[in-house]
Amino acid sequence: MAGERRTRGRLSSLDLLPEEAQDDLLWAMAQLNKRARSQADILFELNDRLEVKGIDEISRSAFNRKSTSLKARSLQLEERSHIYAGIAERLTPEEVGKSDLVLGEFLKILIDQLLSGGDLDSKNAMELARAYKETIVAQRHSAEHQKKAEERAQSRLNKAIDAAEGLVAKGEKPDGLAVIKKIREEVYGIFEE
């Protein structure tokens, strides 16, 4: 039923670890992420660390569930980073801002995942659609802003070229420093005394 509210479920022995064991848990999760040691070896050392602190050991099943969950999240993050890298390669300064496009693609992926997992109710769908619409509007504004900025830069550059050409009379050797000074004044607004 779409209106049912999910609960957090039963807490595992990892969730119930006291505050003084959190650094050990973080160490174990980091070791799992490195993928250099076996899960059994990491659990054995984690339980040794907990025993020194007088804390009950973690069961193999609870640690395995946590490891599986961590692996799934790690794969999602890796997949997203590959998607972002692929998108970023195709972007050029003439197109929309990177962050707007990446956000739009991220929202599409999120909507697909939520639809396939059945975790999307009508309110969430509406909020995601609104967020996606706002992202599209931001992309359009970003592209318009980029185009206007390029037009302003081109106009200043043309003005500077015209001003520099006025300094160079035909048949005379141009004064390079004077030309550079004029370009700085016209393009960048830098006036030297």
N, C-alpha and C. Protein backbone atom coordinates (compact mmCIF):
# COMPACT_ATOMS: atom_id res chain seq x y z
N MET A 1 0.85 -1.18 0.00
CA MET A 1 0.00 0.00 0.00
C MET A 1 0.89 1.24 0.00
N ALA A 2 0.58 2.18 -0.88
CA ALA A 2 1.44 3.36 -1.05
C ALA A 2 1.43 4.26 0.17
N GLY A 3 0.33 4.29 0.92
CA GLY A 3 0.22 5.18 2.07
C GLY A 3 0.89 4.66 3.32
N GLU A 4 1.34 3.41 3.31
CA GLU A 4 1.98 2.85 4.50
C GLU A 4 3.29 3.55 4.79
N ARG A 5 3.54 3.73 6.07
CA ARG A 5 4.78 4.38 6.47
C ARG A 5 5.80 3.32 6.85
N ARG A 6 6.98 3.45 6.32
CA ARG A 6 8.03 2.50 6.67
C ARG A 6 8.65 2.87 8.00
N THR A 7 9.00 1.85 8.75
CA THR A 7 9.69 2.09 10.01
C THR A 7 11.15 1.78 9.82
N ARG A 8 11.94 2.12 10.79
CA ARG A 8 13.38 1.90 10.65
C ARG A 8 13.75 0.44 10.83
N GLY A 9 12.83 -0.37 11.31
CA GLY A 9 13.11 -1.79 11.50
C GLY A 9 13.80 -2.05 12.82
N ARG A 10 14.13 -3.30 13.02
CA ARG A 10 14.78 -3.69 14.27
C ARG A 10 16.24 -3.26 14.25
N LEU A 11 16.70 -2.75 15.37
CA LEU A 11 18.09 -2.30 15.45
C LEU A 11 19.03 -3.50 15.57
N SER A 12 20.13 -3.45 14.83
CA SER A 12 21.12 -4.52 14.90
C SER A 12 22.09 -4.25 16.04
N SER A 13 22.95 -5.22 16.31
CA SER A 13 23.94 -5.03 17.37
C SER A 13 24.91 -3.90 17.00
N LEU A 14 25.11 -3.64 15.71
CA LEU A 14 25.95 -2.52 15.28
C LEU A 14 25.28 -1.19 15.61
N ASP A 15 23.97 -1.13 15.42
CA ASP A 15 23.23 0.10 15.72
C ASP A 15 23.21 0.38 17.22
N LEU A 16 23.32 -0.65 18.02
CA LEU A 16 23.23 -0.50 19.47
C LEU A 16 24.59 -0.30 20.15
N LEU A 17 25.65 -0.21 19.37
CA LEU A 17 26.97 0.00 19.97
C LEU A 17 27.00 1.33 20.73
N PRO A 18 27.65 1.36 21.89
CA PRO A 18 27.74 2.62 22.64
C PRO A 18 28.68 3.60 21.95
N GLU A 19 28.64 4.83 22.42
CA GLU A 19 29.43 5.91 21.82
C GLU A 19 30.92 5.59 21.77
N GLU A 20 31.44 4.97 22.82
CA GLU A 20 32.89 4.70 22.85
C GLU A 20 33.34 3.67 21.82
N ALA A 21 32.39 2.99 21.17
CA ALA A 21 32.74 2.01 20.14
C ALA A 21 32.59 2.56 18.73
N GLN A 22 32.12 3.78 18.60
CA GLN A 22 31.87 4.34 17.27
C GLN A 22 33.15 4.48 16.44
N ASP A 23 34.26 4.82 17.07
CA ASP A 23 35.51 4.93 16.32
C ASP A 23 35.94 3.57 15.77
N ASP A 24 35.68 2.51 16.53
CA ASP A 24 36.00 1.16 16.06
C ASP A 24 35.11 0.75 14.89
N LEU A 25 33.84 1.13 14.98
CA LEU A 25 32.91 0.83 13.90
C LEU A 25 33.32 1.58 12.62
N LEU A 26 33.68 2.85 12.77
CA LEU A 26 34.14 3.62 11.61
C LEU A 26 35.41 3.01 11.01
N TRP A 27 36.30 2.54 11.87
CA TRP A 27 37.50 1.87 11.38
C TRP A 27 37.13 0.65 10.54
N ALA A 28 36.18 -0.15 11.06
CA ALA A 28 35.78 -1.38 10.35
C ALA A 28 35.14 -1.04 9.00
N MET A 29 34.31 0.00 8.97
CA MET A 29 33.66 0.38 7.71
C MET A 29 34.72 0.87 6.70
N ALA A 30 35.71 1.60 7.18
CA ALA A 30 36.80 2.06 6.31
C ALA A 30 37.58 0.87 5.75
N GLN A 31 37.82 -0.12 6.60
CA GLN A 31 38.52 -1.33 6.15
C GLN A 31 37.72 -2.08 5.08
N LEU A 32 36.40 -2.14 5.28
CA LEU A 32 35.56 -2.79 4.27
C LEU A 32 35.62 -2.04 2.94
N ASN A 33 35.63 -0.71 3.02
CA ASN A 33 35.68 0.10 1.79
C ASN A 33 37.00 -0.07 1.05
N LYS A 34 38.09 -0.29 1.79
CA LYS A 34 39.39 -0.46 1.14
C LYS A 34 39.46 -1.75 0.34
N ARG A 35 38.70 -2.75 0.76
CA ARG A 35 38.64 -4.04 0.07
C ARG A 35 40.01 -4.72 -0.02
N ALA A 36 40.81 -4.55 1.04
CA ALA A 36 42.14 -5.15 1.06
C ALA A 36 42.18 -6.39 1.97
N ARG A 37 41.22 -6.50 2.89
CA ARG A 37 41.20 -7.61 3.84
C ARG A 37 39.84 -8.30 3.76
N SER A 38 39.81 -9.53 4.25
CA SER A 38 38.55 -10.26 4.22
C SER A 38 37.60 -9.72 5.29
N GLN A 39 36.32 -9.90 5.03
CA GLN A 39 35.30 -9.45 5.97
C GLN A 39 35.45 -10.17 7.31
N ALA A 40 35.78 -11.45 7.28
CA ALA A 40 35.94 -12.22 8.51
C ALA A 40 37.12 -11.69 9.33
N ASP A 41 38.20 -11.33 8.66
CA ASP A 41 39.38 -10.79 9.34
C ASP A 41 39.06 -9.44 10.00
N ILE A 42 38.32 -8.61 9.29
CA ILE A 42 37.94 -7.30 9.83
C ILE A 42 37.02 -7.47 11.04
N LEU A 43 36.06 -8.38 10.93
CA LEU A 43 35.14 -8.63 12.05
C LEU A 43 35.89 -9.15 13.26
N PHE A 44 36.85 -10.05 13.03
CA PHE A 44 37.64 -10.60 14.13
C PHE A 44 38.37 -9.48 14.87
N GLU A 45 39.02 -8.58 14.11
CA GLU A 45 39.75 -7.49 14.75
C GLU A 45 38.80 -6.50 15.42
N LEU A 46 37.66 -6.25 14.80
CA LEU A 46 36.67 -5.35 15.41
C LEU A 46 36.21 -5.91 16.75
N ASN A 47 35.91 -7.21 16.79
CA ASN A 47 35.47 -7.83 18.04
C ASN A 47 36.57 -7.80 19.10
N ASP A 48 37.84 -7.93 18.67
CA ASP A 48 38.96 -7.80 19.61
C ASP A 48 39.00 -6.40 20.21
N ARG A 49 38.82 -5.41 19.38
CA ARG A 49 38.82 -4.02 19.85
C ARG A 49 37.67 -3.79 20.83
N LEU A 50 36.51 -4.34 20.50
CA LEU A 50 35.35 -4.16 21.38
C LEU A 50 35.55 -4.89 22.71
N GLU A 51 36.16 -6.06 22.66
CA GLU A 51 36.41 -6.84 23.89
C GLU A 51 37.31 -6.07 24.85
N VAL A 52 38.32 -5.39 24.32
CA VAL A 52 39.22 -4.59 25.15
C VAL A 52 38.44 -3.51 25.89
N LYS A 53 37.39 -3.00 25.26
CA LYS A 53 36.56 -1.95 25.87
C LYS A 53 35.42 -2.52 26.71
N GLY A 54 35.33 -3.84 26.77
CA GLY A 54 34.28 -4.47 27.56
C GLY A 54 32.91 -4.44 26.89
N ILE A 55 32.89 -4.42 25.58
CA ILE A 55 31.64 -4.35 24.82
C ILE A 55 31.41 -5.71 24.16
N ASP A 56 30.14 -6.15 24.14
CA ASP A 56 29.80 -7.43 23.52
C ASP A 56 30.20 -7.46 22.05
N GLU A 57 30.53 -8.66 21.57
CA GLU A 57 30.98 -8.79 20.18
C GLU A 57 29.81 -8.65 19.21
N ILE A 58 30.16 -8.36 17.98
CA ILE A 58 29.20 -8.22 16.90
C ILE A 58 29.06 -9.57 16.21
N SER A 59 27.82 -9.95 15.92
CA SER A 59 27.59 -11.24 15.27
C SER A 59 28.01 -11.16 13.80
N ARG A 60 28.33 -12.33 13.26
CA ARG A 60 28.75 -12.41 11.87
C ARG A 60 27.61 -11.98 10.94
N SER A 61 26.38 -12.33 11.28
CA SER A 61 25.24 -11.99 10.42
C SER A 61 24.99 -10.47 10.42
N ALA A 62 25.08 -9.83 11.58
CA ALA A 62 24.87 -8.38 11.63
C ALA A 62 25.96 -7.66 10.85
N PHE A 63 27.19 -8.13 11.00
CA PHE A 63 28.30 -7.50 10.28
C PHE A 63 28.16 -7.73 8.77
N ASN A 64 27.69 -8.90 8.38
CA ASN A 64 27.48 -9.20 6.97
C ASN A 64 26.39 -8.31 6.38
N ARG A 65 25.30 -8.10 7.12
CA ARG A 65 24.23 -7.21 6.63
C ARG A 65 24.76 -5.79 6.44
N LYS A 66 25.54 -5.33 7.41
CA LYS A 66 26.12 -3.98 7.31
C LYS A 66 27.07 -3.90 6.12
N SER A 67 27.87 -4.92 5.93
CA SER A 67 28.82 -4.96 4.82
C SER A 67 28.09 -4.95 3.48
N THR A 68 27.01 -5.71 3.39
CA THR A 68 26.22 -5.77 2.16
C THR A 68 25.58 -4.41 1.87
N SER A 69 25.04 -3.79 2.89
CA SER A 69 24.44 -2.45 2.74
C SER A 69 25.48 -1.43 2.31
N LEU A 70 26.65 -1.48 2.94
CA LEU A 70 27.74 -0.56 2.61
C LEU A 70 28.19 -0.77 1.16
N LYS A 71 28.28 -2.00 0.73
CA LYS A 71 28.70 -2.31 -0.64
C LYS A 71 27.68 -1.76 -1.64
N ALA A 72 26.39 -1.90 -1.34
CA ALA A 72 25.35 -1.38 -2.24
C ALA A 72 25.46 0.13 -2.36
N ARG A 73 25.65 0.82 -1.24
CA ARG A 73 25.79 2.28 -1.29
C ARG A 73 27.05 2.67 -2.05
N SER A 74 28.12 1.94 -1.83
CA SER A 74 29.38 2.22 -2.51
C SER A 74 29.22 2.07 -4.02
N LEU A 75 28.52 1.05 -4.45
CA LEU A 75 28.28 0.85 -5.88
C LEU A 75 27.43 1.97 -6.47
N GLN A 76 26.42 2.43 -5.71
CA GLN A 76 25.60 3.55 -6.18
C GLN A 76 26.45 4.80 -6.35
N LEU A 77 27.30 5.10 -5.38
CA LEU A 77 28.15 6.28 -5.47
C LEU A 77 29.12 6.18 -6.63
N GLU A 78 29.67 5.00 -6.83
CA GLU A 78 30.60 4.78 -7.94
C GLU A 78 29.90 4.96 -9.27
N GLU A 79 28.67 4.43 -9.36
CA GLU A 79 27.89 4.57 -10.59
C GLU A 79 27.60 6.05 -10.86
N ARG A 80 27.22 6.77 -9.84
CA ARG A 80 26.93 8.20 -10.01
C ARG A 80 28.17 8.97 -10.43
N SER A 81 29.32 8.63 -9.85
CA SER A 81 30.53 9.36 -10.23
C SER A 81 30.89 9.10 -11.69
N HIS A 82 30.64 7.88 -12.18
CA HIS A 82 30.89 7.59 -13.60
C HIS A 82 29.91 8.36 -14.49
N ILE A 83 28.66 8.45 -14.03
CA ILE A 83 27.67 9.21 -14.79
C ILE A 83 28.07 10.68 -14.86
N TYR A 84 28.45 11.24 -13.71
CA TYR A 84 28.86 12.64 -13.67
C TYR A 84 30.08 12.88 -14.55
N ALA A 85 31.05 11.97 -14.50
CA ALA A 85 32.25 12.13 -15.31
C ALA A 85 31.90 12.11 -16.79
N GLY A 86 30.99 11.22 -17.18
CA GLY A 86 30.56 11.15 -18.58
C GLY A 86 29.84 12.40 -19.02
N ILE A 87 29.04 12.97 -18.14
CA ILE A 87 28.32 14.20 -18.47
C ILE A 87 29.30 15.36 -18.58
N ALA A 88 30.21 15.46 -17.63
CA ALA A 88 31.14 16.59 -17.59
C ALA A 88 32.03 16.64 -18.82
N GLU A 89 32.38 15.48 -19.38
CA GLU A 89 33.25 15.45 -20.57
C GLU A 89 32.59 16.11 -21.76
N ARG A 90 31.25 16.02 -21.84
CA ARG A 90 30.54 16.55 -23.00
C ARG A 90 30.18 18.02 -22.87
N LEU A 91 30.45 18.62 -21.74
CA LEU A 91 30.09 20.02 -21.55
C LEU A 91 31.15 20.95 -22.12
N THR A 92 30.68 22.02 -22.71
CA THR A 92 31.57 23.06 -23.22
C THR A 92 31.12 24.39 -22.64
N PRO A 93 31.96 25.42 -22.67
CA PRO A 93 31.56 26.72 -22.11
C PRO A 93 30.32 27.30 -22.78
N GLU A 94 30.05 26.93 -24.04
CA GLU A 94 28.89 27.47 -24.74
C GLU A 94 27.58 26.86 -24.22
N GLU A 95 27.65 25.72 -23.56
CA GLU A 95 26.44 25.07 -23.08
C GLU A 95 26.09 25.57 -21.68
N VAL A 96 25.12 24.93 -21.09
CA VAL A 96 24.65 25.33 -19.77
C VAL A 96 25.68 25.01 -18.70
N GLY A 97 25.49 25.58 -17.50
CA GLY A 97 26.40 25.35 -16.38
C GLY A 97 26.44 23.89 -15.99
N LYS A 98 27.61 23.42 -15.64
CA LYS A 98 27.80 22.01 -15.25
C LYS A 98 26.87 21.58 -14.14
N SER A 99 26.81 22.36 -13.09
CA SER A 99 26.05 21.92 -11.92
C SER A 99 24.57 21.77 -12.23
N ASP A 100 24.01 22.63 -13.07
CA ASP A 100 22.59 22.52 -13.41
C ASP A 100 22.31 21.24 -14.18
N LEU A 101 23.15 20.93 -15.14
CA LEU A 101 22.96 19.74 -15.95
C LEU A 101 23.14 18.48 -15.11
N VAL A 102 24.17 18.46 -14.29
CA VAL A 102 24.42 17.30 -13.44
C VAL A 102 23.26 17.10 -12.47
N LEU A 103 22.75 18.19 -11.90
CA LEU A 103 21.62 18.08 -10.98
C LEU A 103 20.40 17.52 -11.69
N GLY A 104 20.14 17.97 -12.91
CA GLY A 104 19.02 17.45 -13.68
C GLY A 104 19.15 15.95 -13.92
N GLU A 105 20.34 15.52 -14.30
CA GLU A 105 20.57 14.10 -14.54
C GLU A 105 20.44 13.29 -13.24
N PHE A 106 20.95 13.86 -12.15
CA PHE A 106 20.84 13.19 -10.86
C PHE A 106 19.37 13.01 -10.47
N LEU A 107 18.57 14.04 -10.68
CA LEU A 107 17.15 13.93 -10.35
C LEU A 107 16.46 12.87 -11.20
N LYS A 108 16.82 12.77 -12.47
CA LYS A 108 16.26 11.72 -13.32
C LYS A 108 16.59 10.34 -12.76
N ILE A 109 17.84 10.15 -12.39
CA ILE A 109 18.27 8.85 -11.84
C ILE A 109 17.52 8.56 -10.55
N LEU A 110 17.41 9.56 -9.68
CA LEU A 110 16.71 9.39 -8.41
C LEU A 110 15.25 9.02 -8.64
N ILE A 111 14.59 9.69 -9.56
CA ILE A 111 13.19 9.38 -9.85
C ILE A 111 13.06 7.95 -10.37
N ASP A 112 13.96 7.55 -11.28
CA ASP A 112 13.94 6.18 -11.80
C ASP A 112 14.11 5.16 -10.68
N GLN A 113 15.06 5.42 -9.77
CA GLN A 113 15.32 4.48 -8.68
C GLN A 113 14.11 4.38 -7.75
N LEU A 114 13.52 5.52 -7.44
CA LEU A 114 12.36 5.51 -6.55
C LEU A 114 11.17 4.83 -7.20
N LEU A 115 10.98 5.04 -8.50
CA LEU A 115 9.87 4.39 -9.20
C LEU A 115 10.07 2.88 -9.25
N SER A 116 11.30 2.45 -9.51
CA SER A 116 11.55 1.01 -9.61
C SER A 116 11.51 0.33 -8.24
N GLY A 117 11.82 1.06 -7.18
CA GLY A 117 11.81 0.48 -5.85
C GLY A 117 10.45 0.55 -5.16
N GLY A 118 9.50 1.27 -5.76
CA GLY A 118 8.18 1.38 -5.16
C GLY A 118 8.15 2.28 -3.94
N ASP A 119 9.18 3.12 -3.75
CA ASP A 119 9.27 3.98 -2.57
C ASP A 119 8.69 5.37 -2.81
N LEU A 120 7.97 5.55 -3.91
CA LEU A 120 7.52 6.88 -4.30
C LEU A 120 6.02 6.99 -4.11
N ASP A 121 5.60 7.91 -3.25
CA ASP A 121 4.17 8.18 -3.14
C ASP A 121 3.84 9.43 -3.94
N SER A 122 2.58 9.80 -4.01
CA SER A 122 2.18 10.92 -4.87
C SER A 122 2.80 12.24 -4.43
N LYS A 123 2.92 12.46 -3.13
CA LYS A 123 3.52 13.71 -2.65
C LYS A 123 4.99 13.79 -3.04
N ASN A 124 5.73 12.68 -2.85
CA ASN A 124 7.14 12.66 -3.22
C ASN A 124 7.33 12.84 -4.72
N ALA A 125 6.44 12.22 -5.50
CA ALA A 125 6.52 12.35 -6.96
C ALA A 125 6.33 13.81 -7.37
N MET A 126 5.37 14.48 -6.73
CA MET A 126 5.11 15.89 -7.04
C MET A 126 6.31 16.75 -6.66
N GLU A 127 6.90 16.49 -5.50
CA GLU A 127 8.07 17.27 -5.07
C GLU A 127 9.25 17.07 -6.01
N LEU A 128 9.48 15.83 -6.44
CA LEU A 128 10.57 15.56 -7.38
C LEU A 128 10.31 16.21 -8.73
N ALA A 129 9.06 16.16 -9.19
CA ALA A 129 8.72 16.80 -10.46
C ALA A 129 8.94 18.30 -10.38
N ARG A 130 8.56 18.90 -9.25
CA ARG A 130 8.77 20.34 -9.07
C ARG A 130 10.26 20.66 -9.04
N ALA A 131 11.04 19.84 -8.35
CA ALA A 131 12.50 20.06 -8.29
C ALA A 131 13.11 19.93 -9.68
N TYR A 132 12.66 18.95 -10.44
CA TYR A 132 13.19 18.77 -11.78
C TYR A 132 12.83 19.96 -12.67
N LYS A 133 11.59 20.44 -12.55
CA LYS A 133 11.16 21.61 -13.33
C LYS A 133 12.01 22.83 -13.00
N GLU A 134 12.26 23.04 -11.71
CA GLU A 134 13.09 24.17 -11.29
C GLU A 134 14.51 24.04 -11.83
N THR A 135 15.00 22.82 -11.90
CA THR A 135 16.34 22.59 -12.45
C THR A 135 16.39 22.94 -13.93
N ILE A 136 15.34 22.57 -14.66
CA ILE A 136 15.27 22.90 -16.09
C ILE A 136 15.24 24.42 -16.27
N VAL A 137 14.44 25.11 -15.45
CA VAL A 137 14.38 26.57 -15.51
C VAL A 137 15.77 27.16 -15.22
N ALA A 138 16.45 26.61 -14.20
CA ALA A 138 17.79 27.09 -13.86
C ALA A 138 18.76 26.86 -15.01
N GLN A 139 18.63 25.74 -15.71
CA GLN A 139 19.49 25.46 -16.85
C GLN A 139 19.28 26.51 -17.94
N ARG A 140 18.02 26.85 -18.18
CA ARG A 140 17.72 27.85 -19.20
C ARG A 140 18.31 29.21 -18.82
N HIS A 141 18.11 29.59 -17.55
CA HIS A 141 18.67 30.87 -17.09
C HIS A 141 20.19 30.86 -17.16
N SER A 142 20.79 29.73 -16.80
CA SER A 142 22.24 29.62 -16.84
C SER A 142 22.75 29.78 -18.27
N ALA A 143 22.07 29.16 -19.23
CA ALA A 143 22.48 29.27 -20.63
C ALA A 143 22.32 30.70 -21.12
N GLU A 144 21.22 31.35 -20.74
CA GLU A 144 21.01 32.75 -21.15
C GLU A 144 22.06 33.66 -20.53
N HIS A 145 22.37 33.43 -19.27
CA HIS A 145 23.39 34.24 -18.59
C HIS A 145 24.75 34.06 -19.26
N GLN A 146 25.09 32.82 -19.59
CA GLN A 146 26.37 32.53 -20.27
C GLN A 146 26.44 33.24 -21.62
N LYS A 147 25.32 33.21 -22.37
CA LYS A 147 25.30 33.85 -23.68
C LYS A 147 25.47 35.36 -23.55
N LYS A 148 24.79 35.97 -22.59
CA LYS A 148 24.92 37.42 -22.37
C LYS A 148 26.33 37.80 -21.94
N ALA A 149 26.93 36.99 -21.08
CA ALA A 149 28.30 37.26 -20.63
C ALA A 149 29.28 37.18 -21.81
N GLU A 150 29.08 36.20 -22.68
CA GLU A 150 29.95 36.07 -23.85
C GLU A 150 29.77 37.26 -24.80
N GLU A 151 28.51 37.72 -24.96
CA GLU A 151 28.25 38.87 -25.82
C GLU A 151 28.91 40.13 -25.26
N ARG A 152 28.82 40.33 -23.93
CA ARG A 152 29.47 41.49 -23.31
C ARG A 152 30.98 41.43 -23.48
N ALA A 153 31.56 40.25 -23.28
CA ALA A 153 33.02 40.09 -23.43
C ALA A 153 33.44 40.37 -24.88
N GLN A 154 32.66 39.85 -25.82
CA GLN A 154 32.99 40.07 -27.23
C GLN A 154 32.88 41.56 -27.58
N SER A 155 31.88 42.24 -27.04
CA SER A 155 31.71 43.67 -27.29
C SER A 155 32.89 44.46 -26.74
N ARG A 156 33.32 44.15 -25.51
CA ARG A 156 34.48 44.84 -24.93
C ARG A 156 35.74 44.57 -25.73
N LEU A 157 35.89 43.35 -26.19
CA LEU A 157 37.07 43.00 -26.97
C LEU A 157 37.08 43.76 -28.30
N ASN A 158 35.93 43.82 -28.95
CA ASN A 158 35.85 44.57 -30.21
C ASN A 158 36.17 46.05 -30.00
N LYS A 159 35.67 46.61 -28.90
CA LYS A 159 35.92 48.01 -28.57
C LYS A 159 37.42 48.23 -28.33
N ALA A 160 38.04 47.29 -27.63
CA ALA A 160 39.48 47.40 -27.36
C ALA A 160 40.30 47.30 -28.64
N ILE A 161 39.89 46.42 -29.55
CA ILE A 161 40.61 46.28 -30.82
C ILE A 161 40.50 47.57 -31.62
N ASP A 162 39.28 48.13 -31.65
CA ASP A 162 39.08 49.40 -32.37
C ASP A 162 39.95 50.50 -31.77
N ALA A 163 39.99 50.58 -30.43
CA ALA A 163 40.79 51.61 -29.77
C ALA A 163 42.28 51.40 -30.04
N ALA A 164 42.71 50.14 -30.02
CA ALA A 164 44.13 49.85 -30.27
C ALA A 164 44.50 50.16 -31.72
N GLU A 165 43.59 49.90 -32.65
CA GLU A 165 43.86 50.20 -34.06
C GLU A 165 44.03 51.71 -34.27
N GLY A 166 43.28 52.50 -33.48
CA GLY A 166 43.40 53.94 -33.58
C GLY A 166 44.76 54.44 -33.16
N LEU A 167 45.44 53.70 -32.29
CA LEU A 167 46.78 54.10 -31.84
C LEU A 167 47.84 53.79 -32.89
N VAL A 168 47.54 52.84 -33.74
CA VAL A 168 48.53 52.41 -34.72
C VAL A 168 48.21 53.09 -36.05
N ALA A 169 49.03 54.06 -36.44
CA ALA A 169 48.85 54.74 -37.72
C ALA A 169 49.49 53.90 -38.81
N LYS A 170 48.94 53.96 -39.99
CA LYS A 170 49.49 53.16 -41.09
C LYS A 170 50.91 53.61 -41.42
N GLY A 171 51.78 52.65 -41.60
CA GLY A 171 53.15 52.93 -41.97
C GLY A 171 54.06 53.21 -40.80
N GLU A 172 53.52 53.42 -39.61
CA GLU A 172 54.37 53.68 -38.45
C GLU A 172 54.52 52.40 -37.63
N LYS A 173 55.64 52.34 -36.93
CA LYS A 173 55.87 51.19 -36.04
C LYS A 173 55.05 51.42 -34.77
N PRO A 174 54.16 50.45 -34.42
CA PRO A 174 53.29 50.66 -33.25
C PRO A 174 54.07 50.57 -31.94
N ASP A 175 53.62 51.34 -30.98
CA ASP A 175 54.17 51.27 -29.62
C ASP A 175 53.42 50.16 -28.89
N GLY A 176 54.08 49.03 -28.71
CA GLY A 176 53.45 47.86 -28.10
C GLY A 176 52.89 48.12 -26.71
N LEU A 177 53.63 48.85 -25.89
CA LEU A 177 53.17 49.15 -24.53
C LEU A 177 51.90 50.00 -24.55
N ALA A 178 51.82 50.94 -25.48
CA ALA A 178 50.64 51.79 -25.58
C ALA A 178 49.43 50.97 -26.02
N VAL A 179 49.64 50.03 -26.95
CA VAL A 179 48.56 49.16 -27.41
C VAL A 179 48.05 48.28 -26.27
N ILE A 180 48.97 47.69 -25.51
CA ILE A 180 48.59 46.83 -24.38
C ILE A 180 47.85 47.64 -23.33
N LYS A 181 48.34 48.86 -23.07
CA LYS A 181 47.69 49.72 -22.09
C LYS A 181 46.26 50.02 -22.52
N LYS A 182 46.05 50.31 -23.79
CA LYS A 182 44.72 50.63 -24.30
C LYS A 182 43.79 49.41 -24.19
N ILE A 183 44.30 48.24 -24.48
CA ILE A 183 43.50 47.01 -24.37
C ILE A 183 43.10 46.79 -22.91
N ARG A 184 44.04 46.97 -21.99
CA ARG A 184 43.73 46.81 -20.56
C ARG A 184 42.64 47.79 -20.12
N GLU A 185 42.72 49.00 -20.62
CA GLU A 185 41.73 50.00 -20.24
C GLU A 185 40.35 49.64 -20.77
N GLU A 186 40.28 49.22 -22.03
CA GLU A 186 39.00 48.96 -22.67
C GLU A 186 38.37 47.63 -22.22
N VAL A 187 39.16 46.59 -22.11
CA VAL A 187 38.61 45.28 -21.78
C VAL A 187 38.45 45.10 -20.28
N TYR A 188 39.48 45.41 -19.52
CA TYR A 188 39.47 45.10 -18.09
C TYR A 188 39.18 46.30 -17.20
N GLY A 189 39.20 47.50 -17.77
CA GLY A 189 38.95 48.70 -16.96
C GLY A 189 40.13 49.05 -16.07
N ILE A 190 41.33 48.64 -16.47
CA ILE A 190 42.54 48.93 -15.68
C ILE A 190 43.16 50.21 -16.22
N PHE A 191 43.18 51.24 -15.40
CA PHE A 191 43.76 52.51 -15.82
C PHE A 191 45.02 52.76 -15.01
N GLU A 192 46.14 52.93 -15.73
CA GLU A 192 47.42 53.19 -15.06
C GLU A 192 47.69 54.68 -15.07
N GLU A 193 48.40 55.13 -14.08
CA GLU A 193 48.75 56.56 -13.99
C GLU A 193 49.99 56.85 -14.78
